[in-house]
Amino acid sequence: MLRLIKRAAIIFAIGLALNIYPFTTSIENLRILGVLQRIGIAYILASICVLLLNRRGVISLSVVILITYWLLLLSVGSNNAYTLENNLDRTVYIAVLGEPHLW
């Protein structure tokens, strides 16, 4: 378990380092959740699920997560659920992290 956490932390740190690299961006505008950071988070969550659940449990959890996510997107965005301006993900990220940390 410690190796999984270490590996996810390394992936997350590499993603942050690549976002900081040119050193032209201030900390206030740093993109916290880039692609590698999200991969690191997804890796640790998926690893925990695989370690704690059997095959049927992993498949069931995956189906529940996907259906719940789809229903949340449709319930909040209605007709424009998949556009950039009306996407639930963007709304949550702005509320939690703030607009400067997105792009």
PDB file of N, CA and C in Angstrom:
ATOM      1  N   MET A   1       0.826  -1.188   0.000  1.00  0.00           N
ATOM      2  CA  MET A   1       0.000   0.000   0.000  1.00  0.00           C
ATOM      3  C   MET A   1       0.876   1.261   0.000  1.00  0.00           C
ATOM      4  N   LEU A   2       1.972   1.202   0.726  1.00  0.00           N
ATOM      5  CA  LEU A   2       2.864   2.354   0.776  1.00  0.00           C
ATOM      6  C   LEU A   2       3.475   2.640  -0.590  1.00  0.00           C
ATOM      7  N   ARG A   3       3.767   1.572  -1.342  1.00  0.00           N
ATOM      8  CA  ARG A   3       4.318   1.764  -2.694  1.00  0.00           C
ATOM      9  C   ARG A   3       3.299   2.441  -3.611  1.00  0.00           C
ATOM     10  N   LEU A   4       2.020   2.099  -3.460  1.00  0.00           N
ATOM     11  CA  LEU A   4       0.983   2.717  -4.283  1.00  0.00           C
ATOM     12  C   LEU A   4       0.865   4.206  -3.992  1.00  0.00           C
ATOM     13  N   ILE A   5       0.879   4.545  -2.714  1.00  0.00           N
ATOM     14  CA  ILE A   5       0.784   5.950  -2.325  1.00  0.00           C
ATOM     15  C   ILE A   5       2.001   6.715  -2.821  1.00  0.00           C
ATOM     16  N   LYS A   6       3.171   6.114  -2.682  1.00  0.00           N
ATOM     17  CA  LYS A   6       4.403   6.757  -3.153  1.00  0.00           C
ATOM     18  C   LYS A   6       4.358   6.979  -4.665  1.00  0.00           C
ATOM     19  N   ARG A   7       3.914   5.959  -5.396  1.00  0.00           N
ATOM     20  CA  ARG A   7       3.838   6.061  -6.857  1.00  0.00           C
ATOM     21  C   ARG A   7       2.847   7.146  -7.283  1.00  0.00           C
ATOM     22  N   ALA A   8       1.681   7.207  -6.624  1.00  0.00           N
ATOM     23  CA  ALA A   8       0.692   8.240  -6.952  1.00  0.00           C
ATOM     24  C   ALA A   8       1.226   9.621  -6.624  1.00  0.00           C
ATOM     25  N   ALA A   9       1.935   9.755  -5.500  1.00  0.00           N
ATOM     26  CA  ALA A   9       2.511  11.047  -5.122  1.00  0.00           C
ATOM     27  C   ALA A   9       3.578  11.487  -6.119  1.00  0.00           C
ATOM     28  N   ILE A  10       4.363  10.545  -6.622  1.00  0.00           N
ATOM     29  CA  ILE A  10       5.384  10.877  -7.622  1.00  0.00           C
ATOM     30  C   ILE A  10       4.731  11.355  -8.912  1.00  0.00           C
ATOM     31  N   ILE A  11       3.695  10.665  -9.359  1.00  0.00           N
ATOM     32  CA  ILE A  11       2.981  11.084 -10.578  1.00  0.00           C
ATOM     33  C   ILE A  11       2.407  12.481 -10.387  1.00  0.00           C
ATOM     34  N   PHE A  12       1.793  12.725  -9.232  1.00  0.00           N
ATOM     35  CA  PHE A  12       1.212  14.039  -8.946  1.00  0.00           C
ATOM     36  C   PHE A  12       2.308  15.106  -8.926  1.00  0.00           C
ATOM     37  N   ALA A  13       3.424  14.807  -8.287  1.00  0.00           N
ATOM     38  CA  ALA A  13       4.522  15.782  -8.190  1.00  0.00           C
ATOM     39  C   ALA A  13       5.146  16.073  -9.550  1.00  0.00           C
ATOM     40  N   ILE A  14       5.282  15.061 -10.388  1.00  0.00           N
ATOM     41  CA  ILE A  14       5.818  15.293 -11.732  1.00  0.00           C
ATOM     42  C   ILE A  14       4.880  16.211 -12.519  1.00  0.00           C
ATOM     43  N   GLY A  15       3.584  16.004 -12.374  1.00  0.00           N
ATOM     44  CA  GLY A  15       2.623  16.874 -13.043  1.00  0.00           C
ATOM     45  C   GLY A  15       2.733  18.315 -12.571  1.00  0.00           C
ATOM     46  N   LEU A  16       2.867  18.509 -11.262  1.00  0.00           N
ATOM     47  CA  LEU A  16       3.043  19.873 -10.740  1.00  0.00           C
ATOM     48  C   LEU A  16       4.343  20.484 -11.243  1.00  0.00           C
ATOM     49  N   ALA A  17       5.415  19.688 -11.246  1.00  0.00           N
ATOM     50  CA  ALA A  17       6.707  20.196 -11.706  1.00  0.00           C
ATOM     51  C   ALA A  17       6.648  20.610 -13.177  1.00  0.00           C
ATOM     52  N   LEU A  18       5.944  19.833 -13.985  1.00  0.00           N
ATOM     53  CA  LEU A  18       5.824  20.198 -15.398  1.00  0.00           C
ATOM     54  C   LEU A  18       4.983  21.456 -15.589  1.00  0.00           C
ATOM     55  N   ASN A  19       4.030  21.695 -14.700  1.00  0.00           N
ATOM     56  CA  ASN A  19       3.240  22.932 -14.792  1.00  0.00           C
ATOM     57  C   ASN A  19       4.030  24.137 -14.296  1.00  0.00           C
ATOM     58  N   ILE A  20       4.960  23.906 -13.396  1.00  0.00           N
ATOM     59  CA  ILE A  20       5.771  24.995 -12.851  1.00  0.00           C
ATOM     60  C   ILE A  20       6.982  25.273 -13.736  1.00  0.00           C
ATOM     61  N   TYR A  21       7.439  24.297 -14.506  1.00  0.00           N
ATOM     62  CA  TYR A  21       8.738  24.285 -15.170  1.00  0.00           C
ATOM     63  C   TYR A  21       9.208  25.602 -15.781  1.00  0.00           C
ATOM     64  N   PRO A  22       8.469  26.246 -16.660  1.00  0.00           N
ATOM     65  CA  PRO A  22       9.071  27.450 -17.258  1.00  0.00           C
ATOM     66  C   PRO A  22       9.317  28.567 -16.235  1.00  0.00           C
ATOM     67  N   PHE A  23       8.778  28.423 -15.033  1.00  0.00           N
ATOM     68  CA  PHE A  23       8.923  29.393 -13.950  1.00  0.00           C
ATOM     69  C   PHE A  23       8.423  30.777 -14.328  1.00  0.00           C
ATOM     70  N   THR A  24       7.481  30.822 -15.263  1.00  0.00           N
ATOM     71  CA  THR A  24       6.892  32.107 -15.636  1.00  0.00           C
ATOM     72  C   THR A  24       5.531  32.295 -14.985  1.00  0.00           C
ATOM     73  N   THR A  25       4.993  31.235 -14.397  1.00  0.00           N
ATOM     74  CA  THR A  25       3.677  31.287 -13.773  1.00  0.00           C
ATOM     75  C   THR A  25       3.838  31.463 -12.271  1.00  0.00           C
ATOM     76  N   SER A  26       3.079  32.391 -11.705  1.00  0.00           N
ATOM     77  CA  SER A  26       3.133  32.572 -10.265  1.00  0.00           C
ATOM     78  C   SER A  26       2.327  31.467  -9.581  1.00  0.00           C
ATOM     79  N   ILE A  27       2.555  31.294  -8.300  1.00  0.00           N
ATOM     80  CA  ILE A  27       1.858  30.269  -7.526  1.00  0.00           C
ATOM     81  C   ILE A  27       0.352  30.528  -7.511  1.00  0.00           C
ATOM     82  N   GLU A  28      -0.053  31.787  -7.559  1.00  0.00           N
ATOM     83  CA  GLU A  28      -1.478  32.112  -7.547  1.00  0.00           C
ATOM     84  C   GLU A  28      -2.203  31.611  -8.793  1.00  0.00           C
ATOM     85  N   ASN A  29      -1.472  31.430  -9.887  1.00  0.00           N
ATOM     86  CA  ASN A  29      -2.075  30.983 -11.143  1.00  0.00           C
ATOM     87  C   ASN A  29      -1.656  29.568 -11.534  1.00  0.00           C
ATOM     88  N   LEU A  30      -1.063  28.830 -10.617  1.00  0.00           N
ATOM     89  CA  LEU A  30      -0.605  27.473 -10.907  1.00  0.00           C
ATOM     90  C   LEU A  30      -1.785  26.547 -11.165  1.00  0.00           C
ATOM     91  N   ARG A  31      -1.670  25.758 -12.214  1.00  0.00           N
ATOM     92  CA  ARG A  31      -2.719  24.793 -12.534  1.00  0.00           C
ATOM     93  C   ARG A  31      -2.531  23.556 -11.661  1.00  0.00           C
ATOM     94  N   ILE A  32      -3.374  23.432 -10.647  1.00  0.00           N
ATOM     95  CA  ILE A  32      -3.218  22.372  -9.656  1.00  0.00           C
ATOM     96  C   ILE A  32      -3.626  21.019 -10.215  1.00  0.00           C
ATOM     97  N   LEU A  33      -4.753  20.935 -10.874  1.00  0.00           N
ATOM     98  CA  LEU A  33      -5.240  19.645 -11.376  1.00  0.00           C
ATOM     99  C   LEU A  33      -5.020  19.517 -12.878  1.00  0.00           C
ATOM    100  N   GLY A  34      -3.773  19.291 -13.259  1.00  0.00           N
ATOM    101  CA  GLY A  34      -3.458  19.017 -14.646  1.00  0.00           C
ATOM    102  C   GLY A  34      -3.705  17.550 -14.961  1.00  0.00           C
ATOM    103  N   VAL A  35      -3.274  17.117 -16.118  1.00  0.00           N
ATOM    104  CA  VAL A  35      -3.533  15.748 -16.559  1.00  0.00           C
ATOM    105  C   VAL A  35      -2.814  14.731 -15.674  1.00  0.00           C
ATOM    106  N   LEU A  36      -1.529  14.925 -15.429  1.00  0.00           N
ATOM    107  CA  LEU A  36      -0.796  13.955 -14.615  1.00  0.00           C
ATOM    108  C   LEU A  36      -1.288  13.932 -13.177  1.00  0.00           C
ATOM    109  N   GLN A  37      -1.685  15.080 -12.648  1.00  0.00           N
ATOM    110  CA  GLN A  37      -2.212  15.111 -11.290  1.00  0.00           C
ATOM    111  C   GLN A  37      -3.499  14.305 -11.193  1.00  0.00           C
ATOM    112  N   ARG A  38      -4.351  14.435 -12.189  1.00  0.00           N
ATOM    113  CA  ARG A  38      -5.599  13.661 -12.201  1.00  0.00           C
ATOM    114  C   ARG A  38      -5.324  12.170 -12.367  1.00  0.00           C
ATOM    115  N   ILE A  39      -4.313  11.832 -13.165  1.00  0.00           N
ATOM    116  CA  ILE A  39      -3.936  10.428 -13.314  1.00  0.00           C
ATOM    117  C   ILE A  39      -3.444   9.876 -11.982  1.00  0.00           C
ATOM    118  N   GLY A  40      -2.656  10.646 -11.252  1.00  0.00           N
ATOM    119  CA  GLY A  40      -2.171  10.213  -9.945  1.00  0.00           C
ATOM    120  C   GLY A  40      -3.308   9.973  -8.963  1.00  0.00           C
ATOM    121  N   ILE A  41      -4.284  10.870  -8.944  1.00  0.00           N
ATOM    122  CA  ILE A  41      -5.446  10.712  -8.058  1.00  0.00           C
ATOM    123  C   ILE A  41      -6.270   9.498  -8.463  1.00  0.00           C
ATOM    124  N   ALA A  42      -6.518   9.356  -9.761  1.00  0.00           N
ATOM    125  CA  ALA A  42      -7.293   8.212 -10.242  1.00  0.00           C
ATOM    126  C   ALA A  42      -6.545   6.906  -9.974  1.00  0.00           C
ATOM    127  N   TYR A  43      -5.235   6.923 -10.096  1.00  0.00           N
ATOM    128  CA  TYR A  43      -4.432   5.723  -9.850  1.00  0.00           C
ATOM    129  C   TYR A  43      -4.577   5.251  -8.413  1.00  0.00           C
ATOM    130  N   ILE A  44      -4.466   6.157  -7.461  1.00  0.00           N
ATOM    131  CA  ILE A  44      -4.543   5.731  -6.062  1.00  0.00           C
ATOM    132  C   ILE A  44      -5.958   5.274  -5.711  1.00  0.00           C
ATOM    133  N   LEU A  45      -6.971   5.948  -6.221  1.00  0.00           N
ATOM    134  CA  LEU A  45      -8.351   5.537  -5.941  1.00  0.00           C
ATOM    135  C   LEU A  45      -8.670   4.178  -6.566  1.00  0.00           C
ATOM    136  N   ALA A  46      -8.230   3.982  -7.807  1.00  0.00           N
ATOM    137  CA  ALA A  46      -8.463   2.693  -8.466  1.00  0.00           C
ATOM    138  C   ALA A  46      -7.677   1.570  -7.778  1.00  0.00           C
ATOM    139  N   SER A  47      -6.476   1.873  -7.341  1.00  0.00           N
ATOM    140  CA  SER A  47      -5.668   0.864  -6.651  1.00  0.00           C
ATOM    141  C   SER A  47      -6.324   0.426  -5.352  1.00  0.00           C
ATOM    142  N   ILE A  48      -6.839   1.374  -4.603  1.00  0.00           N
ATOM    143  CA  ILE A  48      -7.517   1.044  -3.347  1.00  0.00           C
ATOM    144  C   ILE A  48      -8.748   0.187  -3.617  1.00  0.00           C
ATOM    145  N   CYS A  49      -9.506   0.550  -4.648  1.00  0.00           N
ATOM    146  CA  CYS A  49     -10.697  -0.249  -4.990  1.00  0.00           C
ATOM    147  C   CYS A  49     -10.320  -1.677  -5.375  1.00  0.00           C
ATOM    148  N   VAL A  50      -9.271  -1.825  -6.166  1.00  0.00           N
ATOM    149  CA  VAL A  50      -8.854  -3.156  -6.602  1.00  0.00           C
ATOM    150  C   VAL A  50      -8.347  -3.977  -5.418  1.00  0.00           C
ATOM    151  N   LEU A  51      -7.667  -3.335  -4.478  1.00  0.00           N
ATOM    152  CA  LEU A  51      -7.155  -4.063  -3.315  1.00  0.00           C
ATOM    153  C   LEU A  51      -8.266  -4.484  -2.355  1.00  0.00           C
ATOM    154  N   LEU A  52      -9.297  -3.644  -2.212  1.00  0.00           N
ATOM    155  CA  LEU A  52     -10.331  -3.910  -1.228  1.00  0.00           C
ATOM    156  C   LEU A  52     -11.512  -4.717  -1.757  1.00  0.00           C
ATOM    157  N   LEU A  53     -11.761  -4.674  -3.071  1.00  0.00           N
ATOM    158  CA  LEU A  53     -12.930  -5.338  -3.640  1.00  0.00           C
ATOM    159  C   LEU A  53     -12.513  -6.499  -4.534  1.00  0.00           C
ATOM    160  N   ASN A  54     -13.426  -7.430  -4.692  1.00  0.00           N
ATOM    161  CA  ASN A  54     -13.170  -8.500  -5.652  1.00  0.00           C
ATOM    162  C   ASN A  54     -13.565  -8.014  -7.052  1.00  0.00           C
ATOM    163  N   ARG A  55     -13.428  -8.881  -8.041  1.00  0.00           N
ATOM    164  CA  ARG A  55     -13.684  -8.475  -9.428  1.00  0.00           C
ATOM    165  C   ARG A  55     -15.122  -7.970  -9.615  1.00  0.00           C
ATOM    166  N   ARG A  56     -16.064  -8.683  -9.040  1.00  0.00           N
ATOM    167  CA  ARG A  56     -17.469  -8.281  -9.167  1.00  0.00           C
ATOM    168  C   ARG A  56     -17.718  -6.926  -8.495  1.00  0.00           C
ATOM    169  N   GLY A  57     -17.081  -6.704  -7.359  1.00  0.00           N
ATOM    170  CA  GLY A  57     -17.220  -5.435  -6.659  1.00  0.00           C
ATOM    171  C   GLY A  57     -16.646  -4.271  -7.446  1.00  0.00           C
ATOM    172  N   VAL A  58     -15.498  -4.499  -8.095  1.00  0.00           N
ATOM    173  CA  VAL A  58     -14.877  -3.446  -8.904  1.00  0.00           C
ATOM    174  C   VAL A  58     -15.769  -3.098 -10.086  1.00  0.00           C
ATOM    175  N   ILE A  59     -16.304  -4.102 -10.743  1.00  0.00           N
ATOM    176  CA  ILE A  59     -17.187  -3.856 -11.890  1.00  0.00           C
ATOM    177  C   ILE A  59     -18.455  -3.144 -11.436  1.00  0.00           C
ATOM    178  N   SER A  60     -19.044  -3.577 -10.327  1.00  0.00           N
ATOM    179  CA  SER A  60     -20.260  -2.933  -9.816  1.00  0.00           C
ATOM    180  C   SER A  60     -19.991  -1.487  -9.433  1.00  0.00           C
ATOM    181  N   LEU A  61     -18.893  -1.242  -8.743  1.00  0.00           N
ATOM    182  CA  LEU A  61     -18.548   0.121  -8.351  1.00  0.00           C
ATOM    183  C   LEU A  61     -18.313   1.003  -9.572  1.00  0.00           C
ATOM    184  N   SER A  62     -17.661   0.464 -10.593  1.00  0.00           N
ATOM    185  CA  SER A  62     -17.412   1.221 -11.823  1.00  0.00           C
ATOM    186  C   SER A  62     -18.720   1.612 -12.497  1.00  0.00           C
ATOM    187  N   VAL A  63     -19.653   0.674 -12.585  1.00  0.00           N
ATOM    188  CA  VAL A  63     -20.950   0.964 -13.212  1.00  0.00           C
ATOM    189  C   VAL A  63     -21.707   2.023 -12.405  1.00  0.00           C
ATOM    190  N   VAL A  64     -21.705   1.895 -11.084  1.00  0.00           N
ATOM    191  CA  VAL A  64     -22.404   2.865 -10.231  1.00  0.00           C
ATOM    192  C   VAL A  64     -21.786   4.253 -10.379  1.00  0.00           C
ATOM    193  N   ILE A  65     -20.461   4.339 -10.394  1.00  0.00           N
ATOM    194  CA  ILE A  65     -19.792   5.636 -10.535  1.00  0.00           C
ATOM    195  C   ILE A  65     -20.124   6.270 -11.881  1.00  0.00           C
ATOM    196  N   LEU A  66     -20.058   5.492 -12.959  1.00  0.00           N
ATOM    197  CA  LEU A  66     -20.338   6.041 -14.289  1.00  0.00           C
ATOM    198  C   LEU A  66     -21.785   6.501 -14.434  1.00  0.00           C
ATOM    199  N   ILE A  67     -22.726   5.719 -13.951  1.00  0.00           N
ATOM    200  CA  ILE A  67     -24.138   6.105 -14.051  1.00  0.00           C
ATOM    201  C   ILE A  67     -24.429   7.323 -13.182  1.00  0.00           C
ATOM    202  N   THR A  68     -23.865   7.359 -11.973  1.00  0.00           N
ATOM    203  CA  THR A  68     -24.062   8.514 -11.097  1.00  0.00           C
ATOM    204  C   THR A  68     -23.490   9.777 -11.726  1.00  0.00           C
ATOM    205  N   TYR A  69     -22.301   9.684 -12.286  1.00  0.00           N
ATOM    206  CA  TYR A  69     -21.670  10.833 -12.937  1.00  0.00           C
ATOM    207  C   TYR A  69     -22.510  11.322 -14.112  1.00  0.00           C
ATOM    208  N   TRP A  70     -22.989  10.399 -14.920  1.00  0.00           N
ATOM    209  CA  TRP A  70     -23.812  10.757 -16.073  1.00  0.00           C
ATOM    210  C   TRP A  70     -25.097  11.449 -15.614  1.00  0.00           C
ATOM    211  N   LEU A  71     -25.747  10.908 -14.595  1.00  0.00           N
ATOM    212  CA  LEU A  71     -26.984  11.514 -14.090  1.00  0.00           C
ATOM    213  C   LEU A  71     -26.732  12.893 -13.484  1.00  0.00           C
ATOM    214  N   LEU A  72     -25.621  13.061 -12.794  1.00  0.00           N
ATOM    215  CA  LEU A  72     -25.289  14.378 -12.250  1.00  0.00           C
ATOM    216  C   LEU A  72     -25.077  15.398 -13.362  1.00  0.00           C
ATOM    217  N   LEU A  73     -24.368  15.006 -14.411  1.00  0.00           N
ATOM    218  CA  LEU A  73     -24.159  15.925 -15.530  1.00  0.00           C
ATOM    219  C   LEU A  73     -25.483  16.320 -16.176  1.00  0.00           C
ATOM    220  N   LEU A  74     -26.361  15.360 -16.383  1.00  0.00           N
ATOM    221  CA  LEU A  74     -27.643  15.658 -17.018  1.00  0.00           C
ATOM    222  C   LEU A  74     -28.560  16.468 -16.117  1.00  0.00           C
ATOM    223  N   SER A  75     -28.525  16.230 -14.811  1.00  0.00           N
ATOM    224  CA  SER A  75     -29.439  16.939 -13.914  1.00  0.00           C
ATOM    225  C   SER A  75     -29.066  18.404 -13.745  1.00  0.00           C
ATOM    226  N   VAL A  76     -27.798  18.726 -13.834  1.00  0.00           N
ATOM    227  CA  VAL A  76     -27.371  20.106 -13.617  1.00  0.00           C
ATOM    228  C   VAL A  76     -27.341  20.887 -14.917  1.00  0.00           C
ATOM    229  N   GLY A  77     -26.855  20.273 -15.991  1.00  0.00           N
ATOM    230  CA  GLY A  77     -26.658  21.000 -17.228  1.00  0.00           C
ATOM    231  C   GLY A  77     -27.812  20.969 -18.200  1.00  0.00           C
ATOM    232  N   SER A  78     -28.777  20.119 -18.029  1.00  0.00           N
ATOM    233  CA  SER A  78     -29.912  19.899 -18.932  1.00  0.00           C
ATOM    234  C   SER A  78     -29.453  19.763 -20.379  1.00  0.00           C
ATOM    235  N   ASN A  79     -29.850  20.671 -21.257  1.00  0.00           N
ATOM    236  CA  ASN A  79     -29.534  20.552 -22.683  1.00  0.00           C
ATOM    237  C   ASN A  79     -28.061  20.796 -22.986  1.00  0.00           C
ATOM    238  N   ASN A  80     -27.428  21.626 -22.187  1.00  0.00           N
ATOM    239  CA  ASN A  80     -26.036  21.983 -22.437  1.00  0.00           C
ATOM    240  C   ASN A  80     -25.096  21.339 -21.425  1.00  0.00           C
ATOM    241  N   ALA A  81     -25.382  20.120 -21.017  1.00  0.00           N
ATOM    242  CA  ALA A  81     -24.614  19.462 -19.961  1.00  0.00           C
ATOM    243  C   ALA A  81     -23.169  19.204 -20.351  1.00  0.00           C
ATOM    244  N   TYR A  82     -22.899  19.121 -21.636  1.00  0.00           N
ATOM    245  CA  TYR A  82     -21.554  18.746 -22.065  1.00  0.00           C
ATOM    246  C   TYR A  82     -20.774  19.906 -22.671  1.00  0.00           C
ATOM    247  N   THR A  83     -21.261  21.120 -22.541  1.00  0.00           N
ATOM    248  CA  THR A  83     -20.523  22.279 -23.033  1.00  0.00           C
ATOM    249  C   THR A  83     -19.564  22.765 -21.950  1.00  0.00           C
ATOM    250  N   LEU A  84     -18.566  23.494 -22.351  1.00  0.00           N
ATOM    251  CA  LEU A  84     -17.566  23.979 -21.405  1.00  0.00           C
ATOM    252  C   LEU A  84     -18.168  24.971 -20.410  1.00  0.00           C
ATOM    253  N   GLU A  85     -19.052  25.818 -20.851  1.00  0.00           N
ATOM    254  CA  GLU A  85     -19.612  26.852 -19.981  1.00  0.00           C
ATOM    255  C   GLU A  85     -20.576  26.305 -18.934  1.00  0.00           C
ATOM    256  N   ASN A  86     -21.325  25.250 -19.256  1.00  0.00           N
ATOM    257  CA  ASN A  86     -22.353  24.734 -18.355  1.00  0.00           C
ATOM    258  C   ASN A  86     -22.003  23.382 -17.729  1.00  0.00           C
ATOM    259  N   ASN A  87     -20.764  22.973 -17.823  1.00  0.00           N
ATOM    260  CA  ASN A  87     -20.364  21.667 -17.324  1.00  0.00           C
ATOM    261  C   ASN A  87     -20.280  21.676 -15.803  1.00  0.00           C
ATOM    262  N   LEU A  88     -20.780  20.626 -15.172  1.00  0.00           N
ATOM    263  CA  LEU A  88     -20.747  20.496 -13.720  1.00  0.00           C
ATOM    264  C   LEU A  88     -19.316  20.434 -13.197  1.00  0.00           C
ATOM    265  N   ASP A  89     -18.437  19.747 -13.908  1.00  0.00           N
ATOM    266  CA  ASP A  89     -17.038  19.660 -13.476  1.00  0.00           C
ATOM    267  C   ASP A  89     -16.417  21.043 -13.342  1.00  0.00           C
ATOM    268  N   ARG A  90     -16.600  21.854 -14.338  1.00  0.00           N
ATOM    269  CA  ARG A  90     -16.025  23.200 -14.330  1.00  0.00           C
ATOM    270  C   ARG A  90     -16.589  24.019 -13.177  1.00  0.00           C
ATOM    271  N   THR A  91     -17.879  23.917 -12.932  1.00  0.00           N
ATOM    272  CA  THR A  91     -18.518  24.654 -11.843  1.00  0.00           C
ATOM    273  C   THR A  91     -17.941  24.241 -10.497  1.00  0.00           C
ATOM    274  N   VAL A  92     -17.762  22.950 -10.297  1.00  0.00           N
ATOM    275  CA  VAL A  92     -17.207  22.453  -9.028  1.00  0.00           C
ATOM    276  C   VAL A  92     -15.754  22.880  -8.885  1.00  0.00           C
ATOM    277  N   TYR A  93     -14.951  22.765  -9.936  1.00  0.00           N
ATOM    278  CA  TYR A  93     -13.543  23.153  -9.858  1.00  0.00           C
ATOM    279  C   TYR A  93     -13.389  24.636  -9.555  1.00  0.00           C
ATOM    280  N   ILE A  94     -14.215  25.470 -10.156  1.00  0.00           N
ATOM    281  CA  ILE A  94     -14.143  26.903  -9.872  1.00  0.00           C
ATOM    282  C   ILE A  94     -14.535  27.180  -8.427  1.00  0.00           C
ATOM    283  N   ALA A  95     -15.540  26.482  -7.924  1.00  0.00           N
ATOM    284  CA  ALA A  95     -15.966  26.692  -6.542  1.00  0.00           C
ATOM    285  C   ALA A  95     -14.897  26.222  -5.550  1.00  0.00           C
ATOM    286  N   VAL A  96     -14.210  25.138  -5.857  1.00  0.00           N
ATOM    287  CA  VAL A  96     -13.225  24.584  -4.921  1.00  0.00           C
ATOM    288  C   VAL A  96     -11.855  25.226  -5.084  1.00  0.00           C
ATOM    289  N   LEU A  97     -11.347  25.305  -6.306  1.00  0.00           N
ATOM    290  CA  LEU A  97      -9.989  25.776  -6.537  1.00  0.00           C
ATOM    291  C   LEU A  97      -9.881  27.240  -6.931  1.00  0.00           C
ATOM    292  N   GLY A  98     -10.911  27.765  -7.544  1.00  0.00           N
ATOM    293  CA  GLY A  98     -10.866  29.135  -8.055  1.00  0.00           C
ATOM    294  C   GLY A  98     -10.511  29.163  -9.532  1.00  0.00           C
ATOM    295  N   GLU A  99     -10.949  30.177 -10.203  1.00  0.00           N
ATOM    296  CA  GLU A  99     -10.764  30.296 -11.651  1.00  0.00           C
ATOM    297  C   GLU A  99      -9.287  30.331 -12.094  1.00  0.00           C
ATOM    298  N   PRO A 100      -8.398  31.006 -11.388  1.00  0.00           N
ATOM    299  CA  PRO A 100      -7.005  31.072 -11.886  1.00  0.00           C
ATOM    300  C   PRO A 100      -6.279  29.735 -11.925  1.00  0.00           C
ATOM    301  N   HIS A 101      -6.742  28.744 -11.187  1.00  0.00           N
ATOM    302  CA  HIS A 101      -6.039  27.461 -11.133  1.00  0.00           C
ATOM    303  C   HIS A 101      -6.498  26.481 -12.191  1.00  0.00           C
ATOM    304  N   LEU A 102      -7.405  26.875 -13.066  1.00  0.00           N
ATOM    305  CA  LEU A 102      -7.881  25.936 -14.079  1.00  0.00           C
ATOM    306  C   LEU A 102      -6.968  25.901 -15.288  1.00  0.00           C
ATOM    307  N   TRP A 103      -6.720  27.012 -15.936  1.00  0.00           N
ATOM    308  CA  TRP A 103      -5.900  27.016 -17.153  1.00  0.00           C
ATOM    309  C   TRP A 103      -4.799  27.979 -17.038  1.00  0.00           C
TER     310      TRP A 103
END
